[in-house]
């Protein structure tokens, strides 16, 4: 519900605040007083495009703000929750500025939002019906929602949407599988070749180091043999080798110790050196005699190392990494080999889900067609009472089809739901958007909203030009329907007709005045005698005349809000 509307520097309005209540709120006043200006300002909160020419002369910006107490609407709560916006004492404050220079601002509570966000949010809270205003029910995207809500099968429609979403996810998964089949086959060939190549190499983790060592020895065989010969000659006992000298020194030291035992420790050390060198000489001799050189073995080492280096270049920086790559490749091959099995299982799941979607869609379509007849009949009945006896209102439920004419199923079923309207006998029904008359449009919307009053979650309705081209009994009927609708919704109505105004729960008079040599629009709640005067003015243009006042009193007593 809209509790309060504040406007600054908009057209003839310098600054005013209007308080609205539950039920039927009527705004009346002389032509040109500024009633449509109020609707224009309110439309800014509904997401209308700003026109800087409406900024009051001498001001740099227009400010419009509204205080709302939102009704129970799950879609609204999801919208707010998704943006981290919370109510403050049950109220939601929306502020919009339009600047003469530069971009304006829009805030919900203290959170800045975009114009499209604003339109989406306030579209969940109030509808504004007039010749040039946005109407949610004109959009055929909403017709299916209205019918489902009227028929009481929104839950089934949402379940179908969920099933369809799941089916779409499965089909996308299948598309990805099929689109990557060629890549899968290529990848399997690459992995299988790699595993085969690595397995045939029969690598050992320590092999590369061993081959490096062997190649180094084989490639310097002659130098190594010569150096070993030098070591042997320098250490052996023959021809003045070190071992021979040590043996002579050892024998002499034994004799010295027999004479003077103080050198026994030194003699032992010579013995240790002798035996250590003797062991070294034997080790070198055996190593030298064991060396076998063959050019073919050097070639084998180099070939083997080249193979290892080639595999490392392709699959890892070491033999260990190459072997680890082979293990991982085997696991990937095993996973890729289950592709056909996975595809068959997915295809079966898609087939079953398609059956579930189609079954629910057909059931829902039958219920929609039955509910469409009831909705159509009720709306036409109200339209006749509103002076539109020759009109036809059709709730069309048609098979959805592709561009080629093939039947298709969408997220909410196999149906396209569309409201159609014809104002005159013999004229074909057309989309609601083709209605040219603001008065006709307002009455069509009034009829629809009356029927949907208990199911439509939009809590506030604004009607402008609803009385265009009507009077007499039709005006009384319009007032009656507004009265009934206001029992379920907050209704704001701009009218020139007394037979509608007398139904008001909250009657506000809009008038022009002069303040500081400038024309301004101002508003005044009318109650008691001032309301009698306003109704009299609307009846006969004479607020003080006896006849018009008597008639005004009669209307107020018969149709006034105290009768509710």
Foldseek 3Di string as FASTA:
>chain_A
DWAKKWKDQFAQAHTDMDGADFFEEEEEADPPLCPVSVVVLVLVLLLDDDDLVRGHPPDFKMKMKIKDQADDDVVLVVLCVVVVHDADVSIWMWMWMPGPDDHIWIDTPNHTDDSVSSNVNVVLAEAEAFQPGDGPQLDLVCQVVLLCLLLVNPVLLVVLLVLVVVLVVLVVVLVVLVVCVVVLVVLLVVLVVLLVLLVVLVDDQCVLVVLVVVLVCQVCVVVVLVVLVVLLQQAPLPPPHVLVVLVVVLVVVVVVCVVPVPCVVVSVVSVVVNVVSVVVSVVSVVVSVPDDHDPVVSVVSVVSNVSQVVLCVVQHVGSVRSVVSSVVSVVSSVVSVCSVVVSVVSVVVSVVSVVVSQVSQVVVLVSSVVSQVVLQVQLLVLCVQLVQVAKGKGFDWDFDADPVRHGDADSRHRTRTFIWMDRHPPDDTHRLVPDNDSLVRLSSVLSNCLSCLVRRSHAEYERECVCPPDDDSSLLSSLVSSNSSSVRHGYYYYDLALSNQLARPWYKYWRWDADPNRIHIHIDTDDDLRQLLVSLCSVPVGSPDPVSSVVSVVSNVVRHNVVD
